[in-house]
PDB file of N, CA and C in Angstrom:
ATOM      1  N   UNK A   1     114.434  70.333 181.662  1.00  0.00           N
ATOM      2  CA  UNK A   1     113.459  71.129 182.362  1.00  0.00           C
ATOM      3  C   UNK A   1     112.868  72.140 181.375  1.00  0.00           C
ATOM      4  N   UNK A   2     111.570  72.231 181.357  1.00  0.00           N
ATOM      5  CA  UNK A   2     110.889  73.152 180.449  1.00  0.00           C
ATOM      6  C   UNK A   2     110.798  74.528 181.103  1.00  0.00           C
ATOM      7  N   UNK A   3     111.097  75.559 180.322  1.00  0.00           N
ATOM      8  CA  UNK A   3     111.025  76.925 180.851  1.00  0.00           C
ATOM      9  C   UNK A   3     109.601  77.445 180.740  1.00  0.00           C
ATOM     10  N   UNK A   4     109.148  78.050 181.784  1.00  0.00           N
ATOM     11  CA  UNK A   4     107.837  78.687 181.782  1.00  0.00           C
ATOM     12  C   UNK A   4     108.008  80.139 181.341  1.00  0.00           C
ATOM     13  N   UNK A   5     107.178  80.568 180.417  1.00  0.00           N
ATOM     14  CA  UNK A   5     107.224  81.953 179.960  1.00  0.00           C
ATOM     15  C   UNK A   5     105.996  82.680 180.481  1.00  0.00           C
ATOM     16  N   UNK A   6     106.231  83.862 180.984  1.00  0.00           N
ATOM     17  CA  UNK A   6     105.137  84.694 181.458  1.00  0.00           C
ATOM     18  C   UNK A   6     104.402  85.240 180.239  1.00  0.00           C
ATOM     19  N   UNK A   7     103.136  84.889 180.109  1.00  0.00           N
ATOM     20  CA  UNK A   7     102.350  85.329 178.969  1.00  0.00           C
ATOM     21  C   UNK A   7     101.501  86.558 179.296  1.00  0.00           C
ATOM     22  N   UNK A   8     101.748  87.158 180.443  1.00  0.00           N
ATOM     23  CA  UNK A   8     101.041  88.376 180.809  1.00  0.00           C
ATOM     24  C   UNK A   8     101.536  89.503 179.914  1.00  0.00           C
ATOM     25  N   UNK A   9     100.620  90.205 179.265  1.00  0.00           N
ATOM     26  CA  UNK A   9     101.079  91.300 178.404  1.00  0.00           C
ATOM     27  C   UNK A   9     101.745  92.392 179.232  1.00  0.00           C
ATOM     28  N   UNK A  10     102.727  93.065 178.649  1.00  0.00           N
ATOM     29  CA  UNK A  10     103.380  94.145 179.392  1.00  0.00           C
ATOM     30  C   UNK A  10     102.383  95.253 179.703  1.00  0.00           C
ATOM     31  N   UNK A  11     102.619  95.921 180.806  1.00  0.00           N
ATOM     32  CA  UNK A  11     101.697  96.986 181.217  1.00  0.00           C
ATOM     33  C   UNK A  11     102.341  98.346 180.992  1.00  0.00           C
ATOM     34  N   UNK A  12     101.507  99.364 180.919  1.00  0.00           N
ATOM     35  CA  UNK A  12     102.004 100.717 180.677  1.00  0.00           C
ATOM     36  C   UNK A  12     102.764 101.233 181.899  1.00  0.00           C
ATOM     37  N   UNK A  13     103.604 102.244 181.714  1.00  0.00           N
ATOM     38  CA  UNK A  13     104.370 102.797 182.834  1.00  0.00           C
ATOM     39  C   UNK A  13     103.505 103.426 183.928  1.00  0.00           C
ATOM     40  N   UNK A  14     102.263 103.777 183.624  1.00  0.00           N
ATOM     41  CA  UNK A  14     101.385 104.395 184.632  1.00  0.00           C
ATOM     42  C   UNK A  14     100.703 103.359 185.525  1.00  0.00           C
ATOM     43  N   UNK A  15     100.813 102.090 185.203  1.00  0.00           N
ATOM     44  CA  UNK A  15     100.157 101.037 185.984  1.00  0.00           C
ATOM     45  C   UNK A  15     100.929 100.778 187.274  1.00  0.00           C
ATOM     46  N   UNK A  16     100.325 101.053 188.420  1.00  0.00           N
ATOM     47  CA  UNK A  16     101.002 100.762 189.683  1.00  0.00           C
ATOM     48  C   UNK A  16     101.210  99.247 189.842  1.00  0.00           C
ATOM     49  N   UNK A  17     102.313  98.824 190.402  1.00  0.00           N
ATOM     50  CA  UNK A  17     102.564  97.389 190.566  1.00  0.00           C
ATOM     51  C   UNK A  17     101.467  96.672 191.357  1.00  0.00           C
ATOM     52  N   UNK A  18     100.837  97.354 192.301  1.00  0.00           N
ATOM     53  CA  UNK A  18      99.807  96.715 193.122  1.00  0.00           C
ATOM     54  C   UNK A  18      98.443  96.658 192.439  1.00  0.00           C
ATOM     55  N   UNK A  19      98.279  97.349 191.324  1.00  0.00           N
ATOM     56  CA  UNK A  19      97.008  97.384 190.602  1.00  0.00           C
ATOM     57  C   UNK A  19      96.963  96.210 189.621  1.00  0.00           C
ATOM     58  N   UNK A  20      96.071  95.245 189.843  1.00  0.00           N
ATOM     59  CA  UNK A  20      96.050  94.047 188.995  1.00  0.00           C
ATOM     60  C   UNK A  20      95.302  94.213 187.669  1.00  0.00           C
ATOM     61  N   UNK A  21      94.691  95.357 187.431  1.00  0.00           N
ATOM     62  CA  UNK A  21      93.865  95.516 186.241  1.00  0.00           C
ATOM     63  C   UNK A  21      94.712  95.637 184.979  1.00  0.00           C
ATOM     64  N   UNK A  22      94.208  95.111 183.859  1.00  0.00           N
ATOM     65  CA  UNK A  22      94.958  95.190 182.601  1.00  0.00           C
ATOM     66  C   UNK A  22      94.843  96.577 181.967  1.00  0.00           C
ATOM     67  N   UNK A  23      95.778  96.871 181.099  1.00  0.00           N
ATOM     68  CA  UNK A  23      95.741  98.128 180.357  1.00  0.00           C
ATOM     69  C   UNK A  23      94.564  98.129 179.385  1.00  0.00           C
ATOM     70  N   UNK A  24      94.129  99.323 179.050  1.00  0.00           N
ATOM     71  CA  UNK A  24      93.082  99.508 178.052  1.00  0.00           C
ATOM     72  C   UNK A  24      93.590 100.500 177.017  1.00  0.00           C
ATOM     73  N   UNK A  25      93.868  99.999 175.843  1.00  0.00           N
ATOM     74  CA  UNK A  25      94.333 100.865 174.761  1.00  0.00           C
ATOM     75  C   UNK A  25      95.836 101.020 174.733  1.00  0.00           C
ATOM     76  N   UNK A  26      96.295 101.976 173.908  1.00  0.00           N
ATOM     77  CA  UNK A  26      97.741 102.195 173.754  1.00  0.00           C
ATOM     78  C   UNK A  26      98.407 102.583 175.067  1.00  0.00           C
ATOM     79  N   UNK A  27      99.633 102.141 175.230  1.00  0.00           N
ATOM     80  CA  UNK A  27     100.379 102.398 176.463  1.00  0.00           C
ATOM     81  C   UNK A  27     100.912 103.818 176.551  1.00  0.00           C
ATOM     82  N   UNK A  28     100.705 104.605 175.520  1.00  0.00           N
ATOM     83  CA  UNK A  28     101.163 105.997 175.535  1.00  0.00           C
ATOM     84  C   UNK A  28     100.044 106.956 175.124  1.00  0.00           C
ATOM     85  N   UNK A  29      98.812 106.590 175.428  1.00  0.00           N
ATOM     86  CA  UNK A  29      97.648 107.376 175.005  1.00  0.00           C
ATOM     87  C   UNK A  29      97.553 108.711 175.736  1.00  0.00           C
ATOM     88  N   UNK A  30      97.995 108.749 176.985  1.00  0.00           N
ATOM     89  CA  UNK A  30      97.848 109.934 177.827  1.00  0.00           C
ATOM     90  C   UNK A  30      99.118 110.111 178.649  1.00  0.00           C
ATOM     91  N   UNK A  31      99.427 111.352 178.976  1.00  0.00           N
ATOM     92  CA  UNK A  31     100.541 111.650 179.879  1.00  0.00           C
ATOM     93  C   UNK A  31      99.995 112.402 181.076  1.00  0.00           C
ATOM     94  N   UNK A  32     100.342 111.930 182.269  1.00  0.00           N
ATOM     95  CA  UNK A  32      99.961 112.580 183.520  1.00  0.00           C
ATOM     96  C   UNK A  32     101.180 113.340 184.043  1.00  0.00           C
ATOM     97  N   UNK A  33     100.943 114.554 184.523  1.00  0.00           N
ATOM     98  CA  UNK A  33     101.995 115.383 185.108  1.00  0.00           C
ATOM     99  C   UNK A  33     101.658 115.578 186.582  1.00  0.00           C
ATOM    100  N   UNK A  34     102.587 115.219 187.474  1.00  0.00           N
ATOM    101  CA  UNK A  34     102.310 115.424 188.897  1.00  0.00           C
ATOM    102  C   UNK A  34     102.642 116.863 189.285  1.00  0.00           C
ATOM    103  N   UNK A  35     102.386 117.216 190.518  1.00  0.00           N
ATOM    104  CA  UNK A  35     102.568 118.612 190.931  1.00  0.00           C
ATOM    105  C   UNK A  35     104.023 119.052 190.939  1.00  0.00           C
ATOM    106  N   UNK A  36     104.943 118.110 190.827  1.00  0.00           N
ATOM    107  CA  UNK A  36     106.364 118.443 190.780  1.00  0.00           C
ATOM    108  C   UNK A  36     106.895 118.490 189.351  1.00  0.00           C
ATOM    109  N   UNK A  37     105.999 118.273 188.378  1.00  0.00           N
ATOM    110  CA  UNK A  37     106.392 118.329 186.974  1.00  0.00           C
ATOM    111  C   UNK A  37     106.863 117.007 186.388  1.00  0.00           C
ATOM    112  N   UNK A  38     106.854 115.941 187.180  1.00  0.00           N
ATOM    113  CA  UNK A  38     107.246 114.625 186.651  1.00  0.00           C
ATOM    114  C   UNK A  38     106.125 114.089 185.780  1.00  0.00           C
ATOM    115  N   UNK A  39     106.494 113.478 184.674  1.00  0.00           N
ATOM    116  CA  UNK A  39     105.517 112.976 183.716  1.00  0.00           C
ATOM    117  C   UNK A  39     105.596 111.463 183.589  1.00  0.00           C
ATOM    118  N   UNK A  40     104.433 110.857 183.342  1.00  0.00           N
ATOM    119  CA  UNK A  40     104.384 109.432 183.049  1.00  0.00           C
ATOM    120  C   UNK A  40     103.294 109.226 181.997  1.00  0.00           C
ATOM    121  N   UNK A  41     103.647 108.477 180.961  1.00  0.00           N
ATOM    122  CA  UNK A  41     102.681 108.154 179.915  1.00  0.00           C
ATOM    123  C   UNK A  41     102.067 106.803 180.227  1.00  0.00           C
ATOM    124  N   UNK A  42     100.832 106.621 179.801  1.00  0.00           N
ATOM    125  CA  UNK A  42     100.177 105.346 180.040  1.00  0.00           C
ATOM    126  C   UNK A  42      98.874 105.227 179.280  1.00  0.00           C
ATOM    127  N   UNK A  43      98.211 104.123 179.509  1.00  0.00           N
ATOM    128  CA  UNK A  43      96.902 103.902 178.895  1.00  0.00           C
ATOM    129  C   UNK A  43      95.868 104.772 179.615  1.00  0.00           C
ATOM    130  N   UNK A  44      94.730 104.969 178.981  1.00  0.00           N
ATOM    131  CA  UNK A  44      93.672 105.804 179.561  1.00  0.00           C
ATOM    132  C   UNK A  44      93.235 105.247 180.913  1.00  0.00           C
ATOM    133  N   UNK A  45      93.084 103.938 181.009  1.00  0.00           N
ATOM    134  CA  UNK A  45      92.617 103.296 182.244  1.00  0.00           C
ATOM    135  C   UNK A  45      93.540 103.588 183.422  1.00  0.00           C
ATOM    136  N   UNK A  46      94.829 103.306 183.266  1.00  0.00           N
ATOM    137  CA  UNK A  46      95.757 103.483 184.383  1.00  0.00           C
ATOM    138  C   UNK A  46      96.063 104.952 184.654  1.00  0.00           C
ATOM    139  N   UNK A  47      96.025 105.791 183.644  1.00  0.00           N
ATOM    140  CA  UNK A  47      96.222 107.219 183.885  1.00  0.00           C
ATOM    141  C   UNK A  47      95.065 107.793 184.700  1.00  0.00           C
ATOM    142  N   UNK A  48      93.852 107.333 184.437  1.00  0.00           N
ATOM    143  CA  UNK A  48      92.702 107.780 185.229  1.00  0.00           C
ATOM    144  C   UNK A  48      92.854 107.334 186.679  1.00  0.00           C
ATOM    145  N   UNK A  49      93.288 106.107 186.882  1.00  0.00           N
ATOM    146  CA  UNK A  49      93.460 105.586 188.236  1.00  0.00           C
ATOM    147  C   UNK A  49      94.583 106.333 188.961  1.00  0.00           C
ATOM    148  N   UNK A  50      95.631 106.663 188.230  1.00  0.00           N
ATOM    149  CA  UNK A  50      96.741 107.423 188.800  1.00  0.00           C
ATOM    150  C   UNK A  50      96.295 108.846 189.141  1.00  0.00           C
ATOM    151  N   UNK A  51      95.583 109.488 188.233  1.00  0.00           N
ATOM    152  CA  UNK A  51      95.103 110.853 188.451  1.00  0.00           C
ATOM    153  C   UNK A  51      94.201 110.941 189.680  1.00  0.00           C
ATOM    154  N   UNK A  52      93.382 109.920 189.893  1.00  0.00           N
ATOM    155  CA  UNK A  52      92.476 109.911 191.043  1.00  0.00           C
ATOM    156  C   UNK A  52      93.223 109.898 192.373  1.00  0.00           C
ATOM    157  N   UNK A  53      94.442 109.403 192.381  1.00  0.00           N
ATOM    158  CA  UNK A  53      95.189 109.278 193.624  1.00  0.00           C
ATOM    159  C   UNK A  53      96.312 110.277 193.819  1.00  0.00           C
ATOM    160  N   UNK A  54      96.550 111.136 192.839  1.00  0.00           N
ATOM    161  CA  UNK A  54      97.648 112.097 192.958  1.00  0.00           C
ATOM    162  C   UNK A  54      97.105 113.506 193.140  1.00  0.00           C
ATOM    163  N   UNK A  55      97.351 114.074 194.285  1.00  0.00           N
ATOM    164  CA  UNK A  55      96.911 115.447 194.543  1.00  0.00           C
ATOM    165  C   UNK A  55      97.730 116.414 193.683  1.00  0.00           C
ATOM    166  N   UNK A  56      97.047 117.294 192.991  1.00  0.00           N
ATOM    167  CA  UNK A  56      97.725 118.297 192.172  1.00  0.00           C
ATOM    168  C   UNK A  56      98.167 117.814 190.810  1.00  0.00           C
ATOM    169  N   UNK A  57      97.829 116.584 190.441  1.00  0.00           N
ATOM    170  CA  UNK A  57      98.218 116.053 189.130  1.00  0.00           C
ATOM    171  C   UNK A  57      97.245 116.562 188.067  1.00  0.00           C
ATOM    172  N   UNK A  58      97.687 116.477 186.813  1.00  0.00           N
ATOM    173  CA  UNK A  58      96.850 116.901 185.692  1.00  0.00           C
ATOM    174  C   UNK A  58      97.248 116.124 184.449  1.00  0.00           C
ATOM    175  N   UNK A  59      96.403 116.196 183.451  1.00  0.00           N
ATOM    176  CA  UNK A  59      96.716 115.599 182.152  1.00  0.00           C
ATOM    177  C   UNK A  59      97.579 116.602 181.392  1.00  0.00           C
ATOM    178  N   UNK A  60      98.598 116.106 180.726  1.00  0.00           N
ATOM    179  CA  UNK A  60      99.494 116.960 179.946  1.00  0.00           C
ATOM    180  C   UNK A  60      98.687 117.736 178.911  1.00  0.00           C
ATOM    181  N   UNK A  61      98.977 119.025 178.711  1.00  0.00           N
ATOM    182  CA  UNK A  61      98.162 119.835 177.801  1.00  0.00           C
ATOM    183  C   UNK A  61      98.218 119.423 176.333  1.00  0.00           C
ATOM    184  N   UNK A  62      99.198 118.639 175.919  1.00  0.00           N
ATOM    185  CA  UNK A  62      99.280 118.237 174.514  1.00  0.00           C
ATOM    186  C   UNK A  62      98.572 116.927 174.216  1.00  0.00           C
ATOM    187  N   UNK A  63      97.926 116.343 175.203  1.00  0.00           N
ATOM    188  CA  UNK A  63      97.151 115.119 174.999  1.00  0.00           C
ATOM    189  C   UNK A  63      95.892 115.484 174.226  1.00  0.00           C
ATOM    190  N   UNK A  64      95.494 114.666 173.247  1.00  0.00           N
ATOM    191  CA  UNK A  64      94.248 114.960 172.518  1.00  0.00           C
ATOM    192  C   UNK A  64      93.070 115.133 173.481  1.00  0.00           C
ATOM    193  N   UNK A  65      92.211 116.079 173.164  1.00  0.00           N
ATOM    194  CA  UNK A  65      91.099 116.438 174.054  1.00  0.00           C
ATOM    195  C   UNK A  65      90.208 115.251 174.388  1.00  0.00           C
ATOM    196  N   UNK A  66      89.959 114.380 173.435  1.00  0.00           N
ATOM    197  CA  UNK A  66      89.087 113.221 173.683  1.00  0.00           C
ATOM    198  C   UNK A  66      89.692 112.315 174.751  1.00  0.00           C
ATOM    199  N   UNK A  67      90.973 112.055 174.659  1.00  0.00           N
ATOM    200  CA  UNK A  67      91.646 111.203 175.653  1.00  0.00           C
ATOM    201  C   UNK A  67      91.703 111.895 177.007  1.00  0.00           C
ATOM    202  N   UNK A  68      91.981 113.190 177.003  1.00  0.00           N
ATOM    203  CA  UNK A  68      92.049 113.933 178.268  1.00  0.00           C
ATOM    204  C   UNK A  68      90.699 113.907 178.980  1.00  0.00           C
ATOM    205  N   UNK A  69      89.636 114.145 178.249  1.00  0.00           N
ATOM    206  CA  UNK A  69      88.303 114.125 178.855  1.00  0.00           C
ATOM    207  C   UNK A  69      87.960 112.734 179.375  1.00  0.00           C
ATOM    208  N   UNK A  70      88.337 111.703 178.634  1.00  0.00           N
ATOM    209  CA  UNK A  70      88.085 110.332 179.075  1.00  0.00           C
ATOM    210  C   UNK A  70      88.771 110.072 180.410  1.00  0.00           C
ATOM    211  N   UNK A  71      90.021 110.499 180.535  1.00  0.00           N
ATOM    212  CA  UNK A  71      90.764 110.307 181.784  1.00  0.00           C
ATOM    213  C   UNK A  71      90.119 111.079 182.925  1.00  0.00           C
ATOM    214  N   UNK A  72      89.793 112.347 182.697  1.00  0.00           N
ATOM    215  CA  UNK A  72      89.181 113.149 183.760  1.00  0.00           C
ATOM    216  C   UNK A  72      87.832 112.580 184.197  1.00  0.00           C
ATOM    217  N   UNK A  73      87.030 112.151 183.244  1.00  0.00           N
ATOM    218  CA  UNK A  73      85.713 111.597 183.593  1.00  0.00           C
ATOM    219  C   UNK A  73      85.834 110.286 184.366  1.00  0.00           C
ATOM    220  N   UNK A  74      86.768 109.441 183.961  1.00  0.00           N
ATOM    221  CA  UNK A  74      86.988 108.182 184.688  1.00  0.00           C
ATOM    222  C   UNK A  74      87.529 108.452 186.095  1.00  0.00           C
ATOM    223  N   UNK A  75      88.507 109.356 186.196  1.00  0.00           N
ATOM    224  CA  UNK A  75      89.130 109.654 187.492  1.00  0.00           C
ATOM    225  C   UNK A  75      88.120 110.235 188.469  1.00  0.00           C
ATOM    226  N   UNK A  76      87.182 110.996 187.960  1.00  0.00           N
ATOM    227  CA  UNK A  76      86.166 111.620 188.812  1.00  0.00           C
ATOM    228  C   UNK A  76      85.326 110.579 189.543  1.00  0.00           C
ATOM    229  N   UNK A  77      85.185 109.405 188.955  1.00  0.00           N
ATOM    230  CA  UNK A  77      84.353 108.341 189.529  1.00  0.00           C
ATOM    231  C   UNK A  77      85.129 107.388 190.440  1.00  0.00           C
ATOM    232  N   UNK A  78      86.433 107.590 190.551  1.00  0.00           N
ATOM    233  CA  UNK A  78      87.275 106.654 191.297  1.00  0.00           C
ATOM    234  C   UNK A  78      87.769 107.230 192.622  1.00  0.00           C
ATOM    235  N   UNK A  79      87.862 106.391 193.634  1.00  0.00           N
ATOM    236  CA  UNK A  79      88.535 106.835 194.862  1.00  0.00           C
ATOM    237  C   UNK A  79      90.050 106.726 194.654  1.00  0.00           C
ATOM    238  N   UNK A  80      90.832 107.424 195.453  1.00  0.00           N
ATOM    239  CA  UNK A  80      92.281 107.242 195.369  1.00  0.00           C
ATOM    240  C   UNK A  80      92.652 105.780 195.633  1.00  0.00           C
ATOM    241  N   UNK A  81      93.593 105.270 194.871  1.00  0.00           N
ATOM    242  CA  UNK A  81      94.093 103.903 195.031  1.00  0.00           C
ATOM    243  C   UNK A  81      92.945 102.888 194.970  1.00  0.00           C
ATOM    244  N   UNK A  82      92.159 102.980 193.935  1.00  0.00           N
ATOM    245  CA  UNK A  82      90.951 102.155 193.770  1.00  0.00           C
ATOM    246  C   UNK A  82      91.234 100.664 193.849  1.00  0.00           C
ATOM    247  N   UNK A  83      92.406 100.230 193.422  1.00  0.00           N
ATOM    248  CA  UNK A  83      92.737  98.803 193.433  1.00  0.00           C
ATOM    249  C   UNK A  83      92.831  98.249 194.850  1.00  0.00           C
ATOM    250  N   UNK A  84      93.044  99.116 195.840  1.00  0.00           N
ATOM    251  CA  UNK A  84      93.137  98.651 197.222  1.00  0.00           C
ATOM    252  C   UNK A  84      91.788  98.230 197.801  1.00  0.00           C
ATOM    253  N   UNK A  85      90.711  98.700 197.187  1.00  0.00           N
ATOM    254  CA  UNK A  85      89.365  98.329 197.665  1.00  0.00           C
ATOM    255  C   UNK A  85      88.607  97.514 196.620  1.00  0.00           C
ATOM    256  N   UNK A  86      89.330  97.014 195.635  1.00  0.00           N
ATOM    257  CA  UNK A  86      88.728  96.117 194.667  1.00  0.00           C
ATOM    258  C   UNK A  86      87.979  96.775 193.522  1.00  0.00           C
ATOM    259  N   UNK A  87      88.263  98.029 193.257  1.00  0.00           N
ATOM    260  CA  UNK A  87      87.598  98.707 192.133  1.00  0.00           C
ATOM    261  C   UNK A  87      88.491  98.753 190.941  1.00  0.00           C
TER     262      UNK A  87
END
């Protein structure tokens, strides 16, 4: 019997399991901090999607300004849980 290998690239820790979109860039490009102080690092794409859905979340202050602005600008255009409506 031949073994099938999953060739799907690994996703960043910020990618929600229900979000089918692929990562964009390094998996540790940005860190999001929720209102309770919990942190998760991820790609810019998934961190923006996460930020859009977490009330009181923010980008970690030590993230490079260019990446932080990219996340904030992307999140501003997204509804919470964008993957649930096909965005």
